[in-house]
């Protein structure tokens, strides 16, 4: 099975080609650049380098959020278009789950996180059991200080992973102390190869009804709904 994975849910743009659980190629950048003009050329370049034609693909896997609204929308739109055009299945994977997958050798709880501004974070709680990544608490958005307080009650070592953790590190350490661990720089970016491998184990979704998981409404959408209720 040949799988194309796409992640544009944050600053990181990740593209990967996996064949029969072997990562044939990955392309990762962590730049504040417009994903919309870079993703398709990146996909074409990777497929050409791996000598795989689009018609040979069997599955499209995409990071479906949470994250940047625009970024998530771009990745999902491209993934749906490819799946529909090639008439192949599409699978969505939590962007946080992809990040958590980097910590497969950590013996404890894993809290991947993205900054959500105003002291808030997108996060969830995961743990590896028998080499399988399990969801302990579903993806959510909340204040980092509230999240740290909840984690302290579990009294278990927690690995925070993601390049945005530095924005909240002081709060996390203040609440958790030695229970807080932080992933090294080499593990802080989501790997599209992991995205593909996770997606291969999940059930495909209907390409027409497939939607991103923003967790919360975009600010403009929230204001519009608020005005309609007046």
N, C-alpha and C. Protein backbone atom coordinates (compact mmCIF):
# COMPACT_ATOMS: atom_id res chain seq x y z
N UNK A 1 0.84 -1.19 0.00
CA UNK A 1 0.00 0.00 0.00
C UNK A 1 0.88 1.25 0.00
N UNK A 2 0.58 2.19 -0.87
CA UNK A 2 1.31 3.45 -0.95
C UNK A 2 0.44 4.56 -0.35
N UNK A 3 0.99 5.24 0.65
CA UNK A 3 0.23 6.24 1.40
C UNK A 3 0.91 7.59 1.31
N UNK A 4 0.13 8.61 1.00
CA UNK A 4 0.62 9.98 0.99
C UNK A 4 0.05 10.69 2.21
N UNK A 5 0.93 11.28 3.03
CA UNK A 5 0.50 11.99 4.23
C UNK A 5 0.77 13.48 4.08
N UNK A 6 -0.18 14.29 4.56
CA UNK A 6 -0.09 15.76 4.42
C UNK A 6 -0.40 16.41 5.76
N UNK A 7 0.50 17.30 6.21
CA UNK A 7 0.26 18.04 7.45
C UNK A 7 0.64 19.50 7.24
N UNK A 8 -0.37 20.37 7.28
CA UNK A 8 -0.13 21.81 7.21
C UNK A 8 -0.88 22.50 8.34
N UNK A 9 -1.12 21.78 9.42
CA UNK A 9 -1.99 22.30 10.47
C UNK A 9 -1.35 23.40 11.32
N UNK A 10 -0.02 23.57 11.19
CA UNK A 10 0.66 24.65 11.90
C UNK A 10 1.76 25.20 11.00
N UNK A 11 2.77 25.87 11.58
CA UNK A 11 3.87 26.39 10.76
C UNK A 11 4.59 25.27 10.02
N UNK A 12 4.63 24.10 10.64
CA UNK A 12 5.30 22.97 10.01
C UNK A 12 4.50 22.48 8.81
N UNK A 13 5.20 22.31 7.70
CA UNK A 13 4.61 21.66 6.54
C UNK A 13 5.29 20.31 6.40
N UNK A 14 4.51 19.26 6.45
CA UNK A 14 5.08 17.92 6.36
C UNK A 14 4.40 17.09 5.28
N UNK A 15 5.20 16.48 4.44
CA UNK A 15 4.70 15.59 3.39
C UNK A 15 5.49 14.29 3.49
N UNK A 16 4.82 13.16 3.39
CA UNK A 16 5.53 11.88 3.46
C UNK A 16 4.90 10.87 2.52
N UNK A 17 5.73 9.97 2.04
CA UNK A 17 5.27 8.83 1.25
C UNK A 17 5.70 7.57 1.99
N UNK A 18 4.73 6.73 2.33
CA UNK A 18 5.00 5.48 3.03
C UNK A 18 4.47 4.33 2.19
N UNK A 19 5.29 3.31 2.04
CA UNK A 19 4.89 2.13 1.27
C UNK A 19 5.07 0.89 2.13
N UNK A 20 3.95 0.22 2.42
CA UNK A 20 3.98 -1.01 3.23
C UNK A 20 4.73 -0.80 4.53
N UNK A 21 4.41 0.29 5.24
CA UNK A 21 4.97 0.65 6.53
C UNK A 21 6.45 1.01 6.48
N UNK A 22 6.95 1.28 5.29
CA UNK A 22 8.32 1.77 5.13
C UNK A 22 8.25 3.21 4.66
N UNK A 23 8.89 4.12 5.41
CA UNK A 23 8.89 5.52 5.02
C UNK A 23 9.87 5.71 3.86
N UNK A 24 9.31 5.98 2.69
CA UNK A 24 10.13 6.14 1.49
C UNK A 24 10.70 7.55 1.37
N UNK A 25 9.96 8.53 1.90
CA UNK A 25 10.45 9.90 1.81
C UNK A 25 9.63 10.83 2.68
N UNK A 26 10.30 11.84 3.21
CA UNK A 26 9.65 12.87 4.02
C UNK A 26 10.18 14.24 3.62
N UNK A 27 9.31 15.23 3.70
CA UNK A 27 9.72 16.61 3.51
C UNK A 27 9.11 17.42 4.63
N UNK A 28 9.96 18.10 5.44
CA UNK A 28 9.48 18.86 6.59
C UNK A 28 10.14 20.24 6.59
N UNK A 29 9.32 21.28 6.73
CA UNK A 29 9.84 22.63 6.95
C UNK A 29 9.09 23.26 8.11
N UNK A 30 9.77 24.15 8.84
CA UNK A 30 9.14 24.84 9.96
C UNK A 30 9.32 26.33 9.73
N UNK A 31 8.56 26.85 8.79
CA UNK A 31 8.74 28.22 8.32
C UNK A 31 7.40 28.96 8.29
N UNK A 32 7.46 30.27 8.53
CA UNK A 32 6.26 31.09 8.44
C UNK A 32 6.05 31.50 6.97
N UNK A 33 5.69 30.51 6.18
CA UNK A 33 5.44 30.75 4.75
C UNK A 33 4.07 30.23 4.38
N UNK A 34 3.58 30.69 3.27
CA UNK A 34 2.23 30.33 2.81
C UNK A 34 2.18 28.88 2.34
N UNK A 35 1.49 28.04 3.11
CA UNK A 35 1.38 26.63 2.73
C UNK A 35 0.66 26.46 1.39
N UNK A 36 -0.29 27.34 1.10
CA UNK A 36 -1.15 27.15 -0.07
C UNK A 36 -0.37 27.12 -1.38
N UNK A 37 0.77 27.80 -1.42
CA UNK A 37 1.55 27.82 -2.66
C UNK A 37 2.71 26.83 -2.63
N UNK A 38 2.88 26.13 -1.51
CA UNK A 38 4.05 25.25 -1.37
C UNK A 38 3.71 23.77 -1.32
N UNK A 39 2.48 23.44 -0.91
CA UNK A 39 2.16 22.03 -0.66
C UNK A 39 2.17 21.20 -1.94
N UNK A 40 1.46 21.63 -2.96
CA UNK A 40 1.39 20.82 -4.18
C UNK A 40 2.76 20.65 -4.85
N UNK A 41 3.57 21.71 -4.96
CA UNK A 41 4.93 21.51 -5.50
C UNK A 41 5.75 20.53 -4.65
N UNK A 42 5.55 20.57 -3.32
CA UNK A 42 6.26 19.66 -2.44
C UNK A 42 5.82 18.21 -2.68
N UNK A 43 4.51 18.02 -2.85
CA UNK A 43 3.99 16.68 -3.12
C UNK A 43 4.53 16.16 -4.45
N UNK A 44 4.49 17.00 -5.48
CA UNK A 44 4.99 16.60 -6.79
C UNK A 44 6.46 16.25 -6.74
N UNK A 45 7.24 17.06 -6.02
CA UNK A 45 8.67 16.81 -5.91
C UNK A 45 8.97 15.50 -5.19
N UNK A 46 8.25 15.25 -4.09
CA UNK A 46 8.49 14.03 -3.32
C UNK A 46 8.11 12.79 -4.11
N UNK A 47 6.96 12.83 -4.77
CA UNK A 47 6.53 11.68 -5.57
C UNK A 47 7.51 11.42 -6.71
N UNK A 48 7.98 12.48 -7.35
CA UNK A 48 8.93 12.32 -8.45
C UNK A 48 10.24 11.72 -7.94
N UNK A 49 10.70 12.20 -6.79
CA UNK A 49 11.95 11.69 -6.22
C UNK A 49 11.83 10.21 -5.87
N UNK A 50 10.63 9.81 -5.41
CA UNK A 50 10.39 8.41 -5.03
C UNK A 50 9.91 7.56 -6.22
N UNK A 51 9.80 8.21 -7.37
CA UNK A 51 9.38 7.53 -8.61
C UNK A 51 8.01 6.85 -8.44
N UNK A 52 7.08 7.60 -7.87
CA UNK A 52 5.71 7.12 -7.70
C UNK A 52 4.76 8.09 -8.38
N UNK A 53 3.90 7.58 -9.23
CA UNK A 53 2.90 8.41 -9.90
C UNK A 53 1.68 8.56 -8.99
N UNK A 54 0.97 9.68 -9.06
CA UNK A 54 -0.22 9.87 -8.23
C UNK A 54 -1.22 8.72 -8.36
N UNK A 55 -1.38 8.17 -9.55
CA UNK A 55 -2.35 7.09 -9.76
C UNK A 55 -1.97 5.81 -9.03
N UNK A 56 -0.73 5.72 -8.54
CA UNK A 56 -0.29 4.55 -7.80
C UNK A 56 -0.62 4.64 -6.31
N UNK A 57 -1.05 5.80 -5.84
CA UNK A 57 -1.37 5.98 -4.43
C UNK A 57 -2.63 5.20 -4.05
N UNK A 58 -2.64 4.68 -2.83
CA UNK A 58 -3.78 3.90 -2.34
C UNK A 58 -4.55 4.59 -1.23
N UNK A 59 -3.93 5.58 -0.58
CA UNK A 59 -4.57 6.21 0.57
C UNK A 59 -3.98 7.60 0.79
N UNK A 60 -4.84 8.54 1.17
CA UNK A 60 -4.41 9.88 1.57
C UNK A 60 -4.68 10.03 3.06
N UNK A 61 -3.67 10.45 3.81
CA UNK A 61 -3.82 10.70 5.24
C UNK A 61 -3.49 12.16 5.51
N UNK A 62 -4.33 12.83 6.29
CA UNK A 62 -4.14 14.25 6.54
C UNK A 62 -4.30 14.57 8.02
N UNK A 63 -3.48 15.50 8.50
CA UNK A 63 -3.64 16.02 9.86
C UNK A 63 -4.84 16.95 9.86
N UNK A 64 -5.87 16.61 10.62
CA UNK A 64 -7.16 17.31 10.50
C UNK A 64 -7.39 18.36 11.58
N UNK A 65 -6.34 18.72 12.34
CA UNK A 65 -6.48 19.71 13.39
C UNK A 65 -6.47 19.05 14.75
N UNK A 66 -6.40 19.88 15.79
CA UNK A 66 -6.47 21.34 15.79
C UNK A 66 -5.17 21.99 15.36
N UNK A 67 -5.21 23.33 15.28
CA UNK A 67 -4.04 24.08 14.88
C UNK A 67 -4.47 25.40 14.26
N UNK A 68 -3.67 25.87 13.33
CA UNK A 68 -4.01 27.10 12.61
C UNK A 68 -5.23 26.83 11.73
N UNK A 69 -6.25 27.69 11.83
CA UNK A 69 -7.45 27.48 11.03
C UNK A 69 -7.12 27.43 9.54
N UNK A 70 -6.33 28.40 9.09
CA UNK A 70 -5.98 28.46 7.67
C UNK A 70 -5.14 27.25 7.29
N UNK A 71 -4.18 26.91 8.12
CA UNK A 71 -3.31 25.78 7.82
C UNK A 71 -4.08 24.48 7.74
N UNK A 72 -4.93 24.23 8.72
CA UNK A 72 -5.74 23.00 8.73
C UNK A 72 -6.61 22.94 7.48
N UNK A 73 -7.24 24.07 7.14
CA UNK A 73 -8.15 24.13 6.00
C UNK A 73 -7.41 23.81 4.70
N UNK A 74 -6.19 24.33 4.56
CA UNK A 74 -5.41 24.10 3.34
C UNK A 74 -5.10 22.61 3.19
N UNK A 75 -4.60 22.00 4.26
CA UNK A 75 -4.24 20.58 4.19
C UNK A 75 -5.42 19.69 3.90
N UNK A 76 -6.53 19.94 4.58
CA UNK A 76 -7.74 19.13 4.40
C UNK A 76 -8.30 19.30 2.98
N UNK A 77 -8.31 20.53 2.49
CA UNK A 77 -8.84 20.78 1.14
C UNK A 77 -8.01 20.05 0.09
N UNK A 78 -6.70 20.12 0.20
CA UNK A 78 -5.83 19.43 -0.76
C UNK A 78 -6.00 17.92 -0.66
N UNK A 79 -6.07 17.42 0.57
CA UNK A 79 -6.23 15.97 0.77
C UNK A 79 -7.55 15.47 0.20
N UNK A 80 -8.63 16.22 0.43
CA UNK A 80 -9.93 15.81 -0.10
C UNK A 80 -9.94 15.86 -1.62
N UNK A 81 -9.32 16.87 -2.18
CA UNK A 81 -9.28 16.99 -3.63
C UNK A 81 -8.53 15.83 -4.26
N UNK A 82 -7.38 15.47 -3.66
CA UNK A 82 -6.60 14.35 -4.18
C UNK A 82 -7.36 13.03 -4.04
N UNK A 83 -7.97 12.82 -2.87
CA UNK A 83 -8.70 11.57 -2.65
C UNK A 83 -9.86 11.43 -3.63
N UNK A 84 -10.58 12.55 -3.84
CA UNK A 84 -11.72 12.50 -4.75
C UNK A 84 -11.25 12.32 -6.20
N UNK A 85 -10.22 13.04 -6.59
CA UNK A 85 -9.72 12.96 -7.97
C UNK A 85 -9.16 11.58 -8.28
N UNK A 86 -8.42 11.01 -7.33
CA UNK A 86 -7.79 9.70 -7.55
C UNK A 86 -8.72 8.54 -7.19
N UNK A 87 -9.88 8.89 -6.59
CA UNK A 87 -10.86 7.87 -6.18
C UNK A 87 -10.25 6.87 -5.21
N UNK A 88 -9.59 7.41 -4.17
CA UNK A 88 -8.99 6.57 -3.14
C UNK A 88 -9.46 7.06 -1.76
N UNK A 89 -9.33 6.24 -0.73
CA UNK A 89 -9.81 6.62 0.61
C UNK A 89 -9.02 7.77 1.23
N UNK A 90 -9.66 8.43 2.19
CA UNK A 90 -9.01 9.48 2.97
C UNK A 90 -9.18 9.18 4.45
N UNK A 91 -8.14 9.46 5.22
CA UNK A 91 -8.16 9.25 6.66
C UNK A 91 -7.66 10.52 7.34
N UNK A 92 -8.34 10.94 8.40
CA UNK A 92 -7.91 12.09 9.17
C UNK A 92 -7.34 11.66 10.50
N UNK A 93 -6.26 12.31 10.92
CA UNK A 93 -5.61 12.01 12.20
C UNK A 93 -5.45 13.31 12.98
N UNK A 94 -5.68 13.26 14.26
CA UNK A 94 -5.47 14.43 15.11
C UNK A 94 -4.05 14.96 14.96
N UNK A 95 -3.92 16.27 14.77
CA UNK A 95 -2.59 16.88 14.67
C UNK A 95 -1.81 16.71 15.97
N UNK A 96 -2.51 16.67 17.09
CA UNK A 96 -1.85 16.46 18.38
C UNK A 96 -1.39 15.02 18.55
N UNK A 97 -2.17 14.10 18.05
CA UNK A 97 -1.79 12.69 18.12
C UNK A 97 -0.52 12.43 17.32
N UNK A 98 -0.40 13.10 16.18
CA UNK A 98 0.81 12.95 15.35
C UNK A 98 2.04 13.40 16.14
N UNK A 99 1.90 14.51 16.85
CA UNK A 99 3.00 15.02 17.65
C UNK A 99 3.33 14.08 18.81
N UNK A 100 2.30 13.56 19.45
CA UNK A 100 2.50 12.64 20.57
C UNK A 100 3.23 11.38 20.15
N UNK A 101 3.06 10.99 18.90
CA UNK A 101 3.69 9.77 18.39
C UNK A 101 5.21 9.82 18.44
N UNK A 102 5.78 11.02 18.52
CA UNK A 102 7.24 11.15 18.61
C UNK A 102 7.79 10.63 19.92
N UNK A 103 6.94 10.47 20.92
CA UNK A 103 7.41 10.13 22.27
C UNK A 103 7.20 8.66 22.59
N UNK A 104 7.35 7.80 21.61
CA UNK A 104 7.03 6.38 21.81
C UNK A 104 7.92 5.69 22.84
N UNK A 105 9.05 6.28 23.20
CA UNK A 105 9.93 5.64 24.17
C UNK A 105 9.87 6.31 25.55
N UNK A 106 8.86 7.16 25.73
CA UNK A 106 8.70 7.81 27.03
C UNK A 106 7.73 7.00 27.88
N UNK A 107 8.16 6.68 29.08
CA UNK A 107 7.34 5.86 29.98
C UNK A 107 6.55 6.77 30.91
N UNK A 108 5.46 7.30 30.41
CA UNK A 108 4.62 8.20 31.19
C UNK A 108 3.57 8.83 30.32
N UNK A 109 2.93 9.87 30.81
CA UNK A 109 1.90 10.56 30.06
C UNK A 109 2.55 11.52 29.06
N UNK A 110 1.88 11.73 27.94
CA UNK A 110 2.40 12.59 26.87
C UNK A 110 1.37 13.68 26.60
N UNK A 111 1.82 14.93 26.70
CA UNK A 111 0.93 16.07 26.45
C UNK A 111 1.48 16.90 25.29
N UNK A 112 1.05 16.59 24.06
CA UNK A 112 1.44 17.43 22.92
C UNK A 112 0.69 18.75 23.02
N UNK A 113 1.28 19.83 22.57
CA UNK A 113 0.55 21.09 22.67
C UNK A 113 0.92 22.07 21.57
N UNK A 114 -0.08 22.87 21.20
CA UNK A 114 0.09 24.01 20.30
C UNK A 114 -0.43 25.24 21.03
N UNK A 115 0.23 26.36 20.87
CA UNK A 115 -0.25 27.59 21.48
C UNK A 115 -1.56 28.03 20.83
N UNK A 116 -2.53 28.43 21.63
CA UNK A 116 -3.83 28.89 21.13
C UNK A 116 -4.09 30.35 21.51
N UNK A 117 -3.04 31.04 21.94
CA UNK A 117 -3.08 32.46 22.29
C UNK A 117 -3.89 32.72 23.57
N UNK A 118 -3.64 33.90 24.16
CA UNK A 118 -4.33 34.35 25.37
C UNK A 118 -4.18 33.36 26.53
N UNK A 119 -3.01 32.75 26.62
CA UNK A 119 -2.74 31.83 27.71
C UNK A 119 -3.31 30.44 27.52
N UNK A 120 -3.92 30.20 26.35
CA UNK A 120 -4.56 28.92 26.09
C UNK A 120 -3.66 28.01 25.24
N UNK A 121 -3.94 26.72 25.32
CA UNK A 121 -3.24 25.74 24.50
C UNK A 121 -4.23 24.72 23.94
N UNK A 122 -3.90 24.21 22.77
CA UNK A 122 -4.56 23.01 22.26
C UNK A 122 -3.74 21.85 22.80
N UNK A 123 -4.37 20.91 23.43
CA UNK A 123 -3.62 19.78 23.96
C UNK A 123 -4.54 18.58 24.14
N UNK A 124 -3.95 17.48 24.48
CA UNK A 124 -4.65 16.26 24.80
C UNK A 124 -3.70 15.44 25.64
N UNK A 125 -4.08 14.26 26.02
CA UNK A 125 -3.21 13.43 26.84
C UNK A 125 -3.15 12.02 26.25
N UNK A 126 -1.93 11.56 26.06
CA UNK A 126 -1.71 10.26 25.41
C UNK A 126 -0.74 9.43 26.21
N UNK A 127 -0.70 8.14 25.92
CA UNK A 127 0.24 7.24 26.59
C UNK A 127 0.47 6.01 25.71
N UNK A 128 1.70 5.57 25.66
CA UNK A 128 2.01 4.33 24.92
C UNK A 128 1.83 3.14 25.83
N UNK A 129 1.06 2.18 25.35
CA UNK A 129 0.90 0.92 26.05
C UNK A 129 1.09 -0.20 25.04
N UNK A 130 2.08 -1.04 25.32
CA UNK A 130 2.40 -2.15 24.40
C UNK A 130 2.62 -1.64 22.97
N UNK A 131 3.36 -0.56 22.84
CA UNK A 131 3.74 0.04 21.55
C UNK A 131 2.55 0.63 20.80
N UNK A 132 1.42 0.79 21.50
CA UNK A 132 0.23 1.37 20.87
C UNK A 132 -0.09 2.70 21.56
N UNK A 133 -0.27 3.75 20.77
CA UNK A 133 -0.56 5.08 21.32
C UNK A 133 -2.04 5.18 21.66
N UNK A 134 -2.34 5.36 22.95
CA UNK A 134 -3.71 5.45 23.41
C UNK A 134 -4.05 6.87 23.82
N UNK A 135 -5.30 7.24 23.63
CA UNK A 135 -5.79 8.54 24.08
C UNK A 135 -6.27 8.44 25.51
N UNK A 136 -5.66 9.21 26.40
CA UNK A 136 -6.06 9.24 27.81
C UNK A 136 -7.12 10.31 28.02
N UNK A 137 -6.91 11.48 27.42
CA UNK A 137 -7.91 12.55 27.42
C UNK A 137 -7.97 13.15 26.03
N UNK A 138 -9.17 13.39 25.53
CA UNK A 138 -9.36 13.86 24.17
C UNK A 138 -8.78 15.26 23.97
N UNK A 139 -8.55 15.61 22.72
CA UNK A 139 -8.03 16.93 22.37
C UNK A 139 -8.98 18.01 22.85
N UNK A 140 -8.41 19.11 23.34
CA UNK A 140 -9.22 20.19 23.90
C UNK A 140 -8.45 21.50 23.87
N UNK A 141 -9.13 22.58 24.21
CA UNK A 141 -8.49 23.88 24.35
C UNK A 141 -8.81 24.42 25.72
N UNK A 142 -7.77 24.90 26.44
CA UNK A 142 -7.96 25.43 27.78
C UNK A 142 -6.72 26.22 28.19
N UNK A 143 -6.82 26.94 29.30
CA UNK A 143 -5.68 27.69 29.80
C UNK A 143 -4.59 26.73 30.24
N UNK A 144 -3.35 27.06 29.93
CA UNK A 144 -2.24 26.16 30.28
C UNK A 144 -2.15 25.98 31.80
N UNK A 145 -2.49 27.01 32.58
CA UNK A 145 -2.41 26.88 34.04
C UNK A 145 -3.49 25.90 34.56
N UNK A 146 -4.66 25.89 33.91
CA UNK A 146 -5.71 24.95 34.30
C UNK A 146 -5.31 23.52 33.93
N UNK A 147 -4.67 23.38 32.78
CA UNK A 147 -4.22 22.06 32.34
C UNK A 147 -3.15 21.52 33.29
N UNK A 148 -2.22 22.38 33.67
CA UNK A 148 -1.16 21.96 34.59
C UNK A 148 -1.74 21.52 35.93
N UNK A 149 -2.75 22.23 36.40
CA UNK A 149 -3.39 21.87 37.67
C UNK A 149 -4.05 20.50 37.58
N UNK A 150 -4.72 20.23 36.48
CA UNK A 150 -5.37 18.93 36.29
C UNK A 150 -4.34 17.81 36.22
N UNK A 151 -3.24 18.08 35.54
CA UNK A 151 -2.20 17.05 35.40
C UNK A 151 -1.53 16.75 36.74
N UNK A 152 -1.39 17.77 37.58
CA UNK A 152 -0.75 17.57 38.88
C UNK A 152 -1.53 16.56 39.72
N UNK A 153 -2.85 16.56 39.57
CA UNK A 153 -3.69 15.64 40.33
C UNK A 153 -3.44 14.18 39.95
N UNK A 154 -2.92 13.95 38.75
CA UNK A 154 -2.64 12.58 38.31
C UNK A 154 -1.36 12.04 38.94
N UNK A 155 -0.50 12.95 39.43
CA UNK A 155 0.74 12.57 40.11
C UNK A 155 1.56 11.57 39.30
N UNK A 156 1.76 11.91 38.04
CA UNK A 156 2.53 11.05 37.14
C UNK A 156 3.39 11.93 36.23
N UNK A 157 4.53 11.42 35.86
CA UNK A 157 5.44 12.17 34.98
C UNK A 157 4.74 12.47 33.66
N UNK A 158 4.91 13.73 33.20
CA UNK A 158 4.28 14.15 31.94
C UNK A 158 5.33 14.75 31.02
N UNK A 159 5.35 14.28 29.78
CA UNK A 159 6.25 14.84 28.77
C UNK A 159 5.47 15.83 27.91
N UNK A 160 5.91 17.08 27.93
CA UNK A 160 5.32 18.10 27.06
C UNK A 160 6.12 18.15 25.77
N UNK A 161 5.41 18.11 24.67
CA UNK A 161 6.08 18.03 23.38
C UNK A 161 5.44 18.99 22.38
N UNK A 162 6.27 19.69 21.64
CA UNK A 162 5.79 20.70 20.70
C UNK A 162 6.60 21.97 20.86
N UNK A 163 6.93 22.62 19.76
CA UNK A 163 7.81 23.79 19.82
C UNK A 163 7.19 24.98 20.56
N UNK A 164 5.88 24.96 20.79
CA UNK A 164 5.22 26.06 21.50
C UNK A 164 5.29 25.92 23.02
N UNK A 165 5.82 24.81 23.52
CA UNK A 165 5.79 24.62 24.97
C UNK A 165 6.58 25.70 25.72
N UNK A 166 7.56 26.29 25.05
CA UNK A 166 8.38 27.31 25.70
C UNK A 166 7.55 28.51 26.15
N UNK A 167 6.44 28.77 25.44
CA UNK A 167 5.57 29.89 25.80
C UNK A 167 4.84 29.65 27.11
N UNK A 168 4.76 28.40 27.52
CA UNK A 168 3.99 28.04 28.72
C UNK A 168 4.84 27.29 29.74
N UNK A 169 6.13 27.16 29.47
CA UNK A 169 7.00 26.33 30.31
C UNK A 169 7.03 26.79 31.76
N UNK A 170 7.10 28.09 31.98
CA UNK A 170 7.18 28.61 33.34
C UNK A 170 5.95 28.23 34.17
N UNK A 171 4.78 28.34 33.55
CA UNK A 171 3.54 27.98 34.24
C UNK A 171 3.50 26.48 34.54
N UNK A 172 3.90 25.68 33.57
CA UNK A 172 3.87 24.22 33.73
C UNK A 172 4.81 23.76 34.84
N UNK A 173 6.02 24.33 34.88
CA UNK A 173 6.98 23.95 35.90
C UNK A 173 6.53 24.43 37.28
N UNK A 174 5.95 25.63 37.34
CA UNK A 174 5.49 26.17 38.62
C UNK A 174 4.46 25.25 39.27
N UNK A 175 3.60 24.66 38.45
CA UNK A 175 2.54 23.80 38.99
C UNK A 175 3.00 22.36 39.18
N UNK A 176 3.78 21.85 38.24
CA UNK A 176 4.12 20.43 38.23
C UNK A 176 5.50 20.10 38.80
N UNK A 177 6.39 21.06 38.82
CA UNK A 177 7.73 20.80 39.34
C UNK A 177 8.44 19.69 38.59
N UNK A 178 8.95 18.71 39.32
CA UNK A 178 9.72 17.62 38.72
C UNK A 178 8.87 16.63 37.93
N UNK A 179 7.56 16.76 38.01
CA UNK A 179 6.69 15.87 37.22
C UNK A 179 6.68 16.28 35.75
N UNK A 180 7.14 17.50 35.46
CA UNK A 180 7.14 18.00 34.08
C UNK A 180 8.45 17.69 33.39
N UNK A 181 8.35 17.08 32.21
CA UNK A 181 9.51 16.82 31.36
C UNK A 181 9.24 17.45 30.00
N UNK A 182 10.29 17.80 29.28
CA UNK A 182 10.12 18.50 28.01
C UNK A 182 10.95 17.82 26.92
N UNK A 183 10.33 17.60 25.78
CA UNK A 183 10.99 16.90 24.69
C UNK A 183 12.12 17.75 24.11
N UNK A 184 13.18 17.12 23.62
CA UNK A 184 14.28 17.86 23.00
C UNK A 184 13.86 18.43 21.66
N UNK A 185 14.61 19.40 21.13
CA UNK A 185 14.24 20.05 19.85
C UNK A 185 14.02 19.08 18.70
N UNK A 186 14.76 17.99 18.66
CA UNK A 186 14.65 17.04 17.55
C UNK A 186 13.32 16.31 17.51
N UNK A 187 12.56 16.36 18.62
CA UNK A 187 11.28 15.65 18.68
C UNK A 187 10.08 16.60 18.72
N UNK A 188 10.32 17.88 18.58
CA UNK A 188 9.24 18.85 18.77
C UNK A 188 8.42 19.14 17.51
N UNK A 189 8.82 18.60 16.38
CA UNK A 189 8.06 18.81 15.16
C UNK A 189 7.31 17.55 14.79
N UNK A 190 6.04 17.67 14.39
CA UNK A 190 5.28 16.48 13.96
C UNK A 190 5.91 15.87 12.72
N UNK A 191 6.01 14.55 12.69
CA UNK A 191 6.62 13.86 11.56
C UNK A 191 5.53 13.32 10.64
N UNK A 192 5.56 13.70 9.37
CA UNK A 192 4.55 13.20 8.43
C UNK A 192 4.63 11.68 8.23
N UNK A 193 5.81 11.11 8.45
CA UNK A 193 5.91 9.65 8.37
C UNK A 193 5.08 8.99 9.45
N UNK A 194 5.11 9.56 10.66
CA UNK A 194 4.28 9.04 11.75
C UNK A 194 2.80 9.24 11.42
N UNK A 195 2.48 10.37 10.81
CA UNK A 195 1.10 10.64 10.41
C UNK A 195 0.58 9.54 9.49
N UNK A 196 1.39 9.18 8.51
CA UNK A 196 0.99 8.13 7.57
C UNK A 196 0.78 6.79 8.28
N UNK A 197 1.70 6.43 9.16
CA UNK A 197 1.62 5.15 9.86
C UNK A 197 0.42 5.10 10.80
N UNK A 198 0.12 6.22 11.45
CA UNK A 198 -1.09 6.27 12.30
C UNK A 198 -2.35 6.14 11.45
N UNK A 199 -2.37 6.83 10.32
CA UNK A 199 -3.54 6.80 9.46
C UNK A 199 -3.84 5.44 8.87
N UNK A 200 -2.79 4.66 8.64
CA UNK A 200 -2.98 3.33 8.07
C UNK A 200 -3.75 2.40 9.00
N UNK A 201 -3.78 2.75 10.30
CA UNK A 201 -4.45 1.91 11.29
C UNK A 201 -5.87 2.38 11.60
N UNK A 202 -6.31 3.46 10.94
CA UNK A 202 -7.63 4.03 11.21
C UNK A 202 -8.58 3.78 10.03
N UNK A 203 -9.87 3.89 10.34
CA UNK A 203 -10.88 3.67 9.31
C UNK A 203 -11.01 4.90 8.40
N UNK A 204 -11.12 4.68 7.09
CA UNK A 204 -11.31 5.81 6.15
C UNK A 204 -12.64 6.51 6.41
N UNK A 205 -12.71 7.77 6.00
CA UNK A 205 -13.93 8.56 6.14
C UNK A 205 -14.48 8.92 4.76
N UNK A 206 -15.73 9.30 4.73
CA UNK A 206 -16.35 9.71 3.47
C UNK A 206 -15.73 11.02 3.02
N UNK A 207 -15.22 11.04 1.81
CA UNK A 207 -14.48 12.22 1.35
C UNK A 207 -15.36 13.47 1.29
N UNK A 208 -16.64 13.31 1.02
CA UNK A 208 -17.53 14.47 0.89
C UNK A 208 -17.92 15.06 2.25
N UNK A 209 -18.06 14.22 3.27
CA UNK A 209 -18.47 14.70 4.59
C UNK A 209 -17.29 14.94 5.52
N UNK A 210 -16.10 14.64 5.06
CA UNK A 210 -14.90 14.82 5.88
C UNK A 210 -14.69 16.30 6.19
N UNK A 211 -14.52 16.63 7.47
CA UNK A 211 -14.32 18.02 7.87
C UNK A 211 -13.17 18.10 8.88
N UNK A 212 -12.53 19.27 8.97
CA UNK A 212 -11.45 19.46 9.95
C UNK A 212 -12.00 19.45 11.38
N UNK A 213 -11.10 19.28 12.33
CA UNK A 213 -11.47 19.39 13.74
C UNK A 213 -10.78 20.63 14.31
N UNK A 214 -11.49 21.74 14.29
CA UNK A 214 -10.92 22.99 14.78
C UNK A 214 -10.96 23.07 16.30
N UNK A 215 -11.79 22.28 16.95
CA UNK A 215 -12.08 22.30 18.39
C UNK A 215 -12.91 23.53 18.77
N UNK A 216 -12.53 24.70 18.27
CA UNK A 216 -13.34 25.89 18.54
C UNK A 216 -13.55 26.62 17.23
N UNK A 217 -14.55 27.48 17.20
CA UNK A 217 -14.83 28.27 16.00
C UNK A 217 -13.75 29.32 15.80
N UNK A 218 -13.49 29.64 14.56
CA UNK A 218 -12.62 30.77 14.26
C UNK A 218 -13.26 32.03 14.84
N UNK A 219 -12.45 33.01 15.21
CA UNK A 219 -12.96 34.21 15.87
C UNK A 219 -14.03 34.91 15.03
N UNK A 220 -13.83 34.97 13.73
CA UNK A 220 -14.80 35.64 12.85
C UNK A 220 -16.13 34.89 12.86
N UNK A 221 -16.06 33.55 12.86
CA UNK A 221 -17.28 32.74 12.87
C UNK A 221 -18.01 32.90 14.20
N UNK A 222 -17.26 32.96 15.30
CA UNK A 222 -17.87 33.10 16.62
C UNK A 222 -18.59 34.45 16.74
N UNK A 223 -17.97 35.49 16.22
CA UNK A 223 -18.59 36.82 16.27
C UNK A 223 -19.85 36.87 15.42
N UNK A 224 -19.81 36.20 14.28
CA UNK A 224 -20.97 36.18 13.39
C UNK A 224 -22.14 35.49 14.08
N UNK A 225 -21.88 34.34 14.72
CA UNK A 225 -22.94 33.62 15.42
C UNK A 225 -23.49 34.43 16.58
N UNK A 226 -22.60 35.14 17.27
CA UNK A 226 -23.03 35.98 18.39
C UNK A 226 -23.97 37.08 17.91
N UNK A 227 -23.67 37.66 16.75
CA UNK A 227 -24.52 38.72 16.20
C UNK A 227 -25.89 38.19 15.78
N UNK A 228 -25.92 36.96 15.29
CA UNK A 228 -27.19 36.36 14.84
C UNK A 228 -28.14 36.09 16.01
N UNK A 229 -27.55 35.91 17.20
CA UNK A 229 -28.38 35.59 18.36
C UNK A 229 -28.94 36.81 19.06
N UNK A 230 -28.50 38.00 18.64
CA UNK A 230 -28.98 39.22 19.26
C UNK A 230 -30.38 39.59 18.77
